[in-house]
């Protein structure tokens, strides 16, 4: 793509719009904003901008659009597909100063927030009102709501409550030419024209810059119960997932951790969990609701179902501290894997009943190409994170052969009725595999949509499919 390099004149303009303190181009800042949490990739921007209002963003985008300067929107930088990497340099447009919860509408169970609000901060604020915003990615303590919108994030609660798209009612956004629009209405039902709101959710910052978000909320459940179940067969753990749902129970979370995943996580988290030598995997299962007696019966029924499989002793979390410890263990897995080895994480997703076939296939492909994988994820909704570990692979095999193995994993996902990504997005690193999930007509339609919103291609260029 033919973009314009940023000049001193451009920097002067940016300073006039947002103030000198919010225009960064020193080496340390450019390095800080050159990466997200995707592997070890680095793409330094030419300048980092920190606007504080939709109007400032409008001025910046209008200016950049006229001059063919690439703009990469960025939230907290916790993404795992390279969606916030400024691969063509240009501007990083940070949302970190748009960080206010604007209005909690208790009458209508809605909240209006800016994109730089940390997900857990939002959840805690609405919980004080007895309300619940369920999407809870592993990085909820640091990730921004805007980034969650961009990637249509999920997390453990998605199995019962759905993902981000199920809670977004309306968005204020700035188009690449600087125009500010709202995409919908603050209503639960809306059959008025094309659904622009849902088009923007999951668009990875390629169509516009979201500046306000209206989310629906639900009453917060009063009780939850949690158990950790060791399995002597990882495949059986996957089989048990569907068995629970077939019995008519919908857990509020059902998480899978392969043996290495939990072993590595235990190095970073203090826990009283003991893992027997013959255990291959664990399921972390939670139920929630307002009637504790009903939840106890559900747990008893789940336990009866699990007895059909080869399991070890079930650990029931009896206190809030035990629950917090087990959840911290699960949420620490990704970081533990990252610290243990050079790796690539694939965010695979298939229909729930196909999980055993997916896990077996991943292991078989690993043997074929000589790589080890550590798997964990939100198996209640068929979302398995496959972490490919470099280990003893040569640099040549890692660079040349591994992409072939990853392609086979994605082909298997599609064959099983799934697709490439459940919640991490396509971004920069997964776009070479888009042809597996979409034919030429589908890709053309997406490109045409991009062109309607962003005809000059300045917004988050290089992502998803181009």
Protein backbone atom coordinates (compact mmCIF):
# COMPACT_ATOMS: atom_id res chain seq x y z
CA UNK A 1 0.00 0.00 0.00
CA UNK A 2 1.19 3.51 -0.84
CA UNK A 3 0.99 5.55 2.35
CA UNK A 4 2.48 8.93 3.23
CA UNK A 5 5.21 9.19 5.83
CA UNK A 6 4.50 11.52 8.73
CA UNK A 7 6.22 14.91 8.49
CA UNK A 8 7.01 17.65 10.95
CA UNK A 9 4.02 19.55 9.59
CA UNK A 10 1.77 16.61 10.45
CA UNK A 11 3.11 16.47 14.01
CA UNK A 12 2.49 20.20 14.40
CA UNK A 13 -1.12 19.69 13.31
CA UNK A 14 -1.65 16.81 15.75
CA UNK A 15 -0.27 18.94 18.60
CA UNK A 16 -2.68 21.73 17.70
CA UNK A 17 -5.62 19.31 17.98
CA UNK A 18 -4.82 17.32 21.14
CA UNK A 19 -1.99 19.18 22.83
CA UNK A 20 1.75 18.59 22.79
CA UNK A 21 1.68 16.22 25.78
CA UNK A 22 -0.60 13.81 23.89
CA UNK A 23 1.60 13.50 20.81
CA UNK A 24 4.43 11.02 21.41
CA UNK A 25 7.27 10.16 19.06
CA UNK A 26 10.22 9.44 21.36
CA UNK A 27 11.94 6.07 20.96
CA UNK A 28 10.62 4.64 24.21
CA UNK A 29 6.99 5.42 23.34
CA UNK A 30 7.31 4.08 19.80
CA UNK A 31 8.70 0.82 21.19
CA UNK A 32 5.94 0.56 23.80
CA UNK A 33 3.23 0.90 21.17
CA UNK A 34 4.97 -1.27 18.57
CA UNK A 35 3.54 -4.52 19.93
CA UNK A 36 0.55 -6.11 21.59
CA UNK A 37 0.48 -9.57 23.21
CA UNK A 38 0.83 -11.39 19.89
CA UNK A 39 3.95 -13.54 19.96
CA UNK A 40 7.09 -11.34 19.73
CA UNK A 41 6.06 -9.16 16.77
CA UNK A 42 7.24 -5.53 16.61
CA UNK A 43 6.02 -2.80 14.23
CA UNK A 44 6.89 0.70 15.47
CA UNK A 45 4.50 3.54 14.64
CA UNK A 46 5.77 6.95 13.58
CA UNK A 47 3.69 8.78 16.17
CA UNK A 48 1.34 7.92 19.05
CA UNK A 49 -1.75 10.09 19.56
CA UNK A 50 -3.91 10.17 22.71
CA UNK A 51 -7.12 12.04 21.95
CA UNK A 52 -9.75 12.73 24.63
CA UNK A 53 -12.94 13.25 22.61
CA UNK A 54 -14.79 12.11 19.47
CA UNK A 55 -14.25 15.58 18.01
CA UNK A 56 -10.48 15.29 18.37
CA UNK A 57 -10.56 11.85 16.74
CA UNK A 58 -12.71 13.29 13.94
CA UNK A 59 -10.11 15.98 13.22
CA UNK A 60 -7.28 13.44 13.26
CA UNK A 61 -9.00 10.95 10.95
CA UNK A 62 -10.16 13.61 8.50
CA UNK A 63 -6.61 14.96 8.29
CA UNK A 64 -5.03 11.51 7.85
CA UNK A 65 -7.64 10.43 5.31
CA UNK A 66 -6.90 13.40 3.09
CA UNK A 67 -3.15 12.77 3.26
CA UNK A 68 -3.11 8.92 3.06
CA UNK A 69 -1.60 8.49 6.52
CA UNK A 70 -2.34 5.05 8.01
CA UNK A 71 -4.11 5.01 11.39
CA UNK A 72 -4.15 1.99 13.72
CA UNK A 73 -6.68 2.21 16.58
CA UNK A 74 -5.42 0.72 19.84
CA UNK A 75 -6.98 -0.21 23.15
CA UNK A 76 -4.97 -1.73 25.99
CA UNK A 77 -2.68 -3.75 23.71
CA UNK A 78 -3.78 -7.14 25.07
CA UNK A 79 -4.76 -8.58 21.67
CA UNK A 80 -3.50 -11.96 20.47
CA UNK A 81 -3.90 -11.69 16.69
CA UNK A 82 -1.89 -8.55 15.97
CA UNK A 83 -4.95 -6.37 15.50
CA UNK A 84 -3.29 -3.33 17.09
CA UNK A 85 0.06 -3.64 15.30
CA UNK A 86 0.88 -0.59 13.12
CA UNK A 87 2.29 -2.73 10.31
CA UNK A 88 2.57 0.27 7.95
CA UNK A 89 3.88 2.70 10.56
CA UNK A 90 1.86 5.90 10.63
CA UNK A 91 -0.37 6.79 13.58
CA UNK A 92 -1.26 4.74 16.63
CA UNK A 93 -4.57 6.17 17.85
CA UNK A 94 -4.86 5.22 21.52
CA UNK A 95 -8.20 5.18 23.34
CA UNK A 96 -6.68 5.20 26.81
CA UNK A 97 -7.91 8.74 27.61
CA UNK A 98 -11.50 7.92 26.67
CA UNK A 99 -11.96 6.00 29.90
CA UNK A 100 -15.21 7.15 31.51
CA UNK A 101 -18.33 5.25 32.48
CA UNK A 102 -20.79 7.89 31.28
CA UNK A 103 -24.14 6.61 32.55
CA UNK A 104 -25.49 3.52 34.29
CA UNK A 105 -29.18 3.41 33.39
CA UNK A 106 -30.64 1.28 36.18
CA UNK A 107 -34.21 1.69 34.92
CA UNK A 108 -33.41 0.13 31.54
CA UNK A 109 -30.49 -2.08 32.56
CA UNK A 110 -28.06 -0.31 30.24
CA UNK A 111 -24.68 1.38 30.55
CA UNK A 112 -22.95 3.90 28.29
CA UNK A 113 -19.16 3.83 28.36
CA UNK A 114 -16.16 5.11 26.47
CA UNK A 115 -13.86 2.56 24.77
CA UNK A 116 -10.92 3.02 27.16
CA UNK A 117 -12.78 1.68 30.20
CA UNK A 118 -11.17 -1.49 31.60
CA UNK A 119 -13.59 -4.42 31.36
CA UNK A 120 -13.34 -5.41 35.04
CA UNK A 121 -13.79 -1.78 36.14
CA UNK A 122 -17.07 -1.73 34.22
CA UNK A 123 -18.16 -5.08 35.66
CA UNK A 124 -17.43 -3.94 39.22
CA UNK A 125 -19.25 -0.64 38.72
CA UNK A 126 -22.46 -2.22 37.45
CA UNK A 127 -22.32 -4.97 40.04
CA UNK A 128 -22.61 -2.32 42.74
CA UNK A 129 -26.04 -1.65 41.21
CA UNK A 130 -26.92 -5.36 41.23
CA UNK A 131 -26.29 -5.63 37.48
CA UNK A 132 -24.12 -7.92 35.39
CA UNK A 133 -22.02 -7.51 32.23
CA UNK A 134 -21.01 -11.14 31.57
CA UNK A 135 -18.27 -11.10 28.85
CA UNK A 136 -15.04 -11.70 30.77
CA UNK A 137 -11.89 -12.33 28.71
CA UNK A 138 -8.85 -13.65 30.59
CA UNK A 139 -7.32 -10.17 30.43
CA UNK A 140 -10.43 -8.49 31.89
CA UNK A 141 -8.30 -6.78 34.54
CA UNK A 142 -6.40 -4.84 31.88
CA UNK A 143 -8.20 -5.03 28.51
CA UNK A 144 -10.47 -2.22 27.32
CA UNK A 145 -14.14 -2.44 26.39
CA UNK A 146 -13.27 -0.89 23.02
CA UNK A 147 -10.88 -3.72 22.25
CA UNK A 148 -13.52 -6.22 23.32
CA UNK A 149 -15.92 -4.62 20.82
CA UNK A 150 -13.26 -4.75 18.12
CA UNK A 151 -12.66 -8.48 18.57
CA UNK A 152 -16.16 -9.55 19.70
CA UNK A 153 -14.55 -11.00 22.81
CA UNK A 154 -15.98 -13.87 24.81
CA UNK A 155 -14.40 -15.56 27.80
CA UNK A 156 -15.61 -18.29 30.18
CA UNK A 157 -19.12 -16.90 30.72
CA UNK A 158 -19.92 -16.99 26.99
CA UNK A 159 -21.17 -20.56 27.23
CA UNK A 160 -24.26 -19.42 29.17
CA UNK A 161 -24.46 -15.69 28.56
CA UNK A 162 -23.06 -15.09 25.08
CA UNK A 163 -20.27 -12.89 23.77
CA UNK A 164 -19.82 -9.14 23.42
CA UNK A 165 -22.10 -8.82 20.39
CA UNK A 166 -25.01 -10.07 22.49
CA UNK A 167 -24.74 -7.01 24.76
CA UNK A 168 -23.99 -4.15 22.34
CA UNK A 169 -27.05 -2.03 21.56
CA UNK A 170 -25.56 1.05 19.97
CA UNK A 171 -22.21 2.58 19.06
CA UNK A 172 -20.97 6.08 18.43
CA UNK A 173 -18.15 5.92 15.92
CA UNK A 174 -15.95 8.17 13.84
CA UNK A 175 -15.68 7.20 10.19
CA UNK A 176 -12.33 7.44 8.39
CA UNK A 177 -13.40 10.73 6.75
CA UNK A 178 -14.08 12.23 10.18
CA UNK A 179 -17.87 12.03 10.25
CA UNK A 180 -19.37 11.01 13.60
CA UNK A 181 -22.38 8.67 13.54
CA UNK A 182 -24.45 6.40 15.78
CA UNK A 183 -24.96 2.91 14.41
CA UNK A 184 -28.29 1.95 15.97
CA UNK A 185 -30.62 2.68 18.88
CA UNK A 186 -30.69 2.00 22.62
CA UNK A 187 -33.36 -0.67 22.33
CA UNK A 188 -33.44 -4.45 22.73
CA UNK A 189 -35.28 -5.02 19.43
CA UNK A 190 -34.39 -3.22 16.24
CA UNK A 191 -35.58 -4.27 12.78
CA UNK A 192 -34.86 -0.91 11.19
CA UNK A 193 -32.51 -1.22 8.23
CA UNK A 194 -29.18 -2.99 8.08
CA UNK A 195 -27.63 -3.76 11.46
CA UNK A 196 -24.59 -1.50 11.37
CA UNK A 197 -23.96 -2.04 15.08
CA UNK A 198 -23.34 -5.75 14.68
CA UNK A 199 -21.29 -5.14 11.54
CA UNK A 200 -18.90 -2.96 13.53
CA UNK A 201 -18.63 -5.41 16.45
CA UNK A 202 -15.79 -7.75 15.54
CA UNK A 203 -14.55 -5.58 12.64
CA UNK A 204 -11.16 -5.17 14.35
CA UNK A 205 -10.95 -1.40 13.97
CA UNK A 206 -11.03 -1.52 10.17
CA UNK A 207 -14.33 0.33 9.59
CA UNK A 208 -14.31 3.19 12.10
CA UNK A 209 -13.17 4.28 15.55
CA UNK A 210 -15.73 3.57 18.29
CA UNK A 211 -16.03 6.43 20.79
CA UNK A 212 -19.12 5.51 22.86
CA UNK A 213 -20.69 2.14 23.59
CA UNK A 214 -24.20 1.37 24.88
CA UNK A 215 -24.40 -2.09 26.48
CA UNK A 216 -27.35 -3.98 27.84
CA UNK A 217 -27.03 -5.46 31.32
CA UNK A 218 -28.79 -8.23 33.21
CA UNK A 219 -29.43 -8.84 36.93
CA UNK A 220 -26.36 -10.24 38.65
CA UNK A 221 -26.76 -13.88 39.79
CA UNK A 222 -26.62 -14.21 43.55
CA UNK A 223 -24.82 -17.56 43.85
CA UNK A 224 -22.25 -19.67 42.03
CA UNK A 225 -20.67 -23.06 42.61
CA UNK A 226 -17.37 -24.24 41.17
CA UNK A 227 -15.55 -27.55 40.83
CA UNK A 228 -12.30 -28.75 39.28
CA UNK A 229 -12.46 -32.22 37.72
CA UNK A 230 -9.33 -34.24 36.83
CA UNK A 231 -9.56 -36.60 33.85
CA UNK A 232 -7.22 -39.46 33.08
CA UNK A 233 -7.91 -38.95 29.38
CA UNK A 234 -7.94 -35.52 27.70
CA UNK A 235 -10.21 -36.86 24.98
CA UNK A 236 -12.69 -38.07 27.60
CA UNK A 237 -12.66 -34.61 29.16
CA UNK A 238 -13.79 -33.24 25.81
CA UNK A 239 -16.44 -35.96 25.52
CA UNK A 240 -17.74 -35.09 28.98
CA UNK A 241 -18.44 -31.51 27.90
CA UNK A 242 -21.21 -32.47 25.53
CA UNK A 243 -22.53 -35.11 27.91
CA UNK A 244 -23.31 -32.38 30.46
CA UNK A 245 -25.24 -30.32 27.91
CA UNK A 246 -27.05 -33.38 26.60
CA UNK A 247 -28.37 -33.84 30.15
CA UNK A 248 -30.03 -30.42 29.95
CA UNK A 249 -27.57 -28.45 32.09
CA UNK A 250 -26.05 -25.17 30.92
CA UNK A 251 -23.07 -24.27 33.12
CA UNK A 252 -22.07 -20.64 33.49
CA UNK A 253 -18.52 -21.72 32.64
CA UNK A 254 -16.84 -24.89 31.42
CA UNK A 255 -13.08 -24.60 30.94
CA UNK A 256 -10.58 -27.18 29.70
CA UNK A 257 -6.92 -27.31 30.74
CA UNK A 258 -4.52 -29.91 29.42
CA UNK A 259 -1.94 -31.32 31.86
CA UNK A 260 0.92 -29.06 30.80
CA UNK A 261 -1.34 -26.01 30.92
CA UNK A 262 -2.24 -26.48 34.56
CA UNK A 263 1.28 -27.60 35.52
CA UNK A 264 2.83 -24.48 33.99
CA UNK A 265 0.18 -22.19 35.50
CA UNK A 266 0.81 -23.63 38.97
CA UNK A 267 4.35 -22.25 38.82
CA UNK A 268 2.93 -18.73 38.90
CA UNK A 269 -0.10 -19.15 41.15
CA UNK A 270 -0.21 -20.30 44.76
CA UNK A 271 -2.77 -23.10 44.97
CA UNK A 272 -3.55 -26.23 46.93
CA UNK A 273 -4.41 -28.19 43.79
CA UNK A 274 -2.59 -31.53 43.59
CA UNK A 275 -2.37 -33.23 40.21
CA UNK A 276 -1.97 -37.00 40.15
CA UNK A 277 0.54 -38.54 37.77
CA UNK A 278 -2.13 -40.21 35.64
CA UNK A 279 -4.19 -37.04 35.05
CA UNK A 280 -4.15 -35.72 31.46
CA UNK A 281 -6.58 -32.81 31.71
CA UNK A 282 -9.00 -30.88 33.91
CA UNK A 283 -12.42 -29.35 33.48
CA UNK A 284 -13.29 -26.29 35.55
CA UNK A 285 -17.09 -26.22 35.80
CA UNK A 286 -19.23 -23.44 37.26
CA UNK A 287 -22.98 -23.04 37.65
CA UNK A 288 -24.68 -19.85 38.77
CA UNK A 289 -28.14 -18.53 39.57
CA UNK A 290 -30.36 -17.21 42.34
CA UNK A 291 -31.43 -20.46 44.04
CA UNK A 292 -28.54 -22.20 45.77
CA UNK A 293 -30.54 -25.39 46.27
CA UNK A 294 -31.16 -25.65 42.53
CA UNK A 295 -27.45 -25.11 41.88
CA UNK A 296 -26.52 -27.87 44.32
CA UNK A 297 -28.82 -30.27 42.45
CA UNK A 298 -27.20 -29.25 39.16
CA UNK A 299 -23.75 -29.96 40.58
CA UNK A 300 -24.92 -33.34 41.83
CA UNK A 301 -26.28 -34.16 38.39
CA UNK A 302 -23.06 -33.06 36.71
CA UNK A 303 -21.07 -35.20 39.15
CA UNK A 304 -23.22 -38.23 38.30
CA UNK A 305 -22.59 -37.63 34.58
CA UNK A 306 -18.84 -37.32 35.10
CA UNK A 307 -18.71 -40.66 36.92
CA UNK A 308 -19.24 -42.30 33.51
CA UNK A 309 -15.70 -41.22 32.64
CA UNK A 310 -12.29 -42.05 34.06
CA UNK A 311 -11.81 -39.22 36.54
CA UNK A 312 -9.91 -38.53 39.73
CA UNK A 313 -11.14 -36.88 42.91
CA UNK A 314 -13.27 -33.81 42.23
CA UNK A 315 -12.25 -30.62 44.03
CA UNK A 316 -15.24 -28.51 45.11
CA UNK A 317 -14.45 -24.87 45.86
CA UNK A 318 -16.09 -24.28 49.24
CA UNK A 319 -15.13 -20.66 49.83
CA UNK A 320 -14.85 -17.48 47.80
CA UNK A 321 -11.07 -17.60 48.25
CA UNK A 322 -10.93 -21.12 46.78
CA UNK A 323 -13.05 -20.02 43.85
CA UNK A 324 -10.84 -17.02 43.24
CA UNK A 325 -7.74 -19.22 43.42
CA UNK A 326 -9.08 -21.68 40.84
CA UNK A 327 -10.12 -18.89 38.49
CA UNK A 328 -6.74 -17.23 38.88
CA UNK A 329 -5.13 -20.53 37.97
CA UNK A 330 -7.22 -20.78 34.81
CA UNK A 331 -6.67 -17.16 33.82
CA UNK A 332 -2.92 -17.53 34.31
CA UNK A 333 -2.54 -20.32 31.76
CA UNK A 334 -1.93 -18.09 28.74
CA UNK A 335 0.78 -16.10 30.49
CA UNK A 336 2.35 -19.29 31.84
CA UNK A 337 2.57 -20.78 28.35
CA UNK A 338 4.06 -17.57 27.01
CA UNK A 339 6.76 -17.56 29.69
CA UNK A 340 7.60 -21.23 29.19
CA UNK A 341 8.48 -21.24 25.48
CA UNK A 342 8.33 -19.53 22.12
CA UNK A 343 4.83 -20.31 20.92
CA UNK A 344 1.99 -19.57 18.53
CA UNK A 345 -1.58 -19.54 19.77
CA UNK A 346 -4.43 -20.59 17.49
CA UNK A 347 -7.95 -19.67 18.60
CA UNK A 348 -9.87 -22.61 17.12
CA UNK A 349 -13.61 -23.16 17.48
CA UNK A 350 -15.89 -26.03 16.46
CA UNK A 351 -19.38 -27.23 17.40
CA UNK A 352 -19.16 -28.50 20.98
CA UNK A 353 -19.75 -32.16 20.14
CA UNK A 354 -16.76 -32.11 17.75
CA UNK A 355 -14.21 -31.21 20.44
CA UNK A 356 -12.85 -34.76 20.85
CA UNK A 357 -12.21 -34.96 17.11
CA UNK A 358 -10.55 -31.54 17.13
CA UNK A 359 -8.24 -32.39 20.03
CA UNK A 360 -7.27 -35.75 18.53
CA UNK A 361 -6.68 -34.11 15.16
CA UNK A 362 -4.47 -31.39 16.63
CA UNK A 363 -2.29 -33.99 18.34
CA UNK A 364 -2.06 -36.04 15.15
CA UNK A 365 -1.05 -33.00 13.10
CA UNK A 366 1.53 -32.16 15.74
CA UNK A 367 3.13 -35.58 15.37
CA UNK A 368 3.17 -35.20 11.59
CA UNK A 369 5.02 -31.86 11.72
CA UNK A 370 7.06 -32.51 14.86
CA UNK A 371 5.57 -29.92 17.17
CA UNK A 372 4.07 -30.14 20.64
CA UNK A 373 0.83 -28.39 21.54
CA UNK A 374 -0.69 -27.33 24.84
CA UNK A 375 -4.47 -26.91 24.69
CA UNK A 376 -6.92 -25.13 26.94
CA UNK A 377 -10.00 -23.00 26.45
CA UNK A 378 -13.70 -22.36 26.71
CA UNK A 379 -14.85 -25.82 25.71
CA UNK A 380 -18.42 -25.18 26.79
CA UNK A 381 -18.81 -23.23 23.56
CA UNK A 382 -16.36 -25.28 21.48
CA UNK A 383 -13.52 -22.73 21.71
CA UNK A 384 -10.15 -24.48 22.10
CA UNK A 385 -6.94 -22.44 22.31
CA UNK A 386 -4.17 -24.46 20.67
CA UNK A 387 -0.73 -23.29 21.77
CA UNK A 388 1.96 -24.62 19.46
CA UNK A 389 5.25 -24.86 21.36
CA UNK A 390 8.53 -24.34 19.51
CA UNK A 391 10.48 -26.61 21.85
CA UNK A 392 13.20 -28.37 19.88
CA UNK A 393 11.93 -27.37 16.44
CA UNK A 394 14.61 -25.77 14.30
CA UNK A 395 14.14 -22.17 13.24
CA UNK A 396 13.74 -23.39 9.67
CA UNK A 397 10.95 -25.84 10.57
CA UNK A 398 9.29 -23.20 12.77
CA UNK A 399 9.27 -20.74 9.88
CA UNK A 400 8.69 -23.03 6.90
CA UNK A 401 6.84 -26.16 8.04
CA UNK A 402 4.77 -24.91 10.96
CA UNK A 403 2.44 -22.76 8.82
CA UNK A 404 1.54 -25.94 6.91
CA UNK A 405 0.61 -27.64 10.17
CA UNK A 406 -1.45 -24.64 11.30
CA UNK A 407 -3.23 -24.64 7.95
CA UNK A 408 -4.14 -28.29 8.48
CA UNK A 409 -5.50 -27.48 11.94
CA UNK A 410 -7.74 -24.78 10.49
CA UNK A 411 -8.82 -27.06 7.65
CA UNK A 412 -9.82 -29.60 10.28
CA UNK A 413 -11.81 -26.93 12.15
CA UNK A 414 -13.76 -25.99 9.03
CA UNK A 415 -14.30 -29.65 8.14
CA UNK A 416 -15.80 -30.17 11.60
CA UNK A 417 -18.18 -27.25 11.09
CA UNK A 418 -16.06 -24.66 12.87
CA UNK A 419 -13.92 -21.71 11.83
CA UNK A 420 -10.59 -19.96 12.35
CA UNK A 421 -11.21 -17.81 15.43
CA UNK A 422 -13.70 -17.87 18.27
CA UNK A 423 -12.71 -14.66 20.07
CA UNK A 424 -9.18 -13.46 19.25
CA UNK A 425 -9.91 -12.24 15.73
CA UNK A 426 -7.93 -12.51 12.50
CA UNK A 427 -5.81 -9.38 12.71
CA UNK A 428 -2.35 -9.63 11.17
CA UNK A 429 -1.28 -13.20 11.94
CA UNK A 430 -4.29 -15.25 10.81
CA UNK A 431 -5.15 -13.54 7.54
CA UNK A 432 -3.10 -16.01 5.39
CA UNK A 433 -5.67 -18.66 6.35
CA UNK A 434 -8.86 -16.78 5.50
CA UNK A 435 -9.22 -18.70 2.22
CA UNK A 436 -9.91 -21.84 4.27
CA UNK A 437 -13.09 -20.35 5.74
CA UNK A 438 -14.27 -18.13 2.87
CA UNK A 439 -14.51 -18.42 -0.91
CA UNK A 440 -13.69 -15.66 -3.38
CA UNK A 441 -17.24 -14.27 -3.39
CA UNK A 442 -17.36 -13.98 0.39
CA UNK A 443 -13.94 -12.33 0.49
CA UNK A 444 -15.01 -9.87 -2.22
CA UNK A 445 -18.11 -8.91 -0.25
CA UNK A 446 -16.03 -8.17 2.84
CA UNK A 447 -13.56 -6.13 0.80
CA UNK A 448 -16.45 -4.13 -0.69
CA UNK A 449 -17.82 -3.41 2.79
CA UNK A 450 -14.37 -2.19 3.84
CA UNK A 451 -14.20 0.05 0.76
CA UNK A 452 -17.57 1.64 1.52
CA UNK A 453 -16.49 2.66 5.01
CA UNK A 454 -12.83 3.36 4.24
CA UNK A 455 -12.30 3.96 0.50
CA UNK A 456 -8.74 5.21 1.01
CA UNK A 457 -7.82 2.21 3.16
CA UNK A 458 -6.18 4.23 5.95
CA UNK A 459 -7.84 2.55 8.93
CA UNK A 460 -5.96 -0.39 10.44
CA UNK A 461 -4.48 -1.41 7.09
CA UNK A 462 -3.05 -4.88 6.61
CA UNK A 463 -5.56 -6.60 8.85
CA UNK A 464 -8.05 -9.44 8.26
CA UNK A 465 -7.81 -9.87 4.49
CA UNK A 466 -5.72 -7.18 2.80
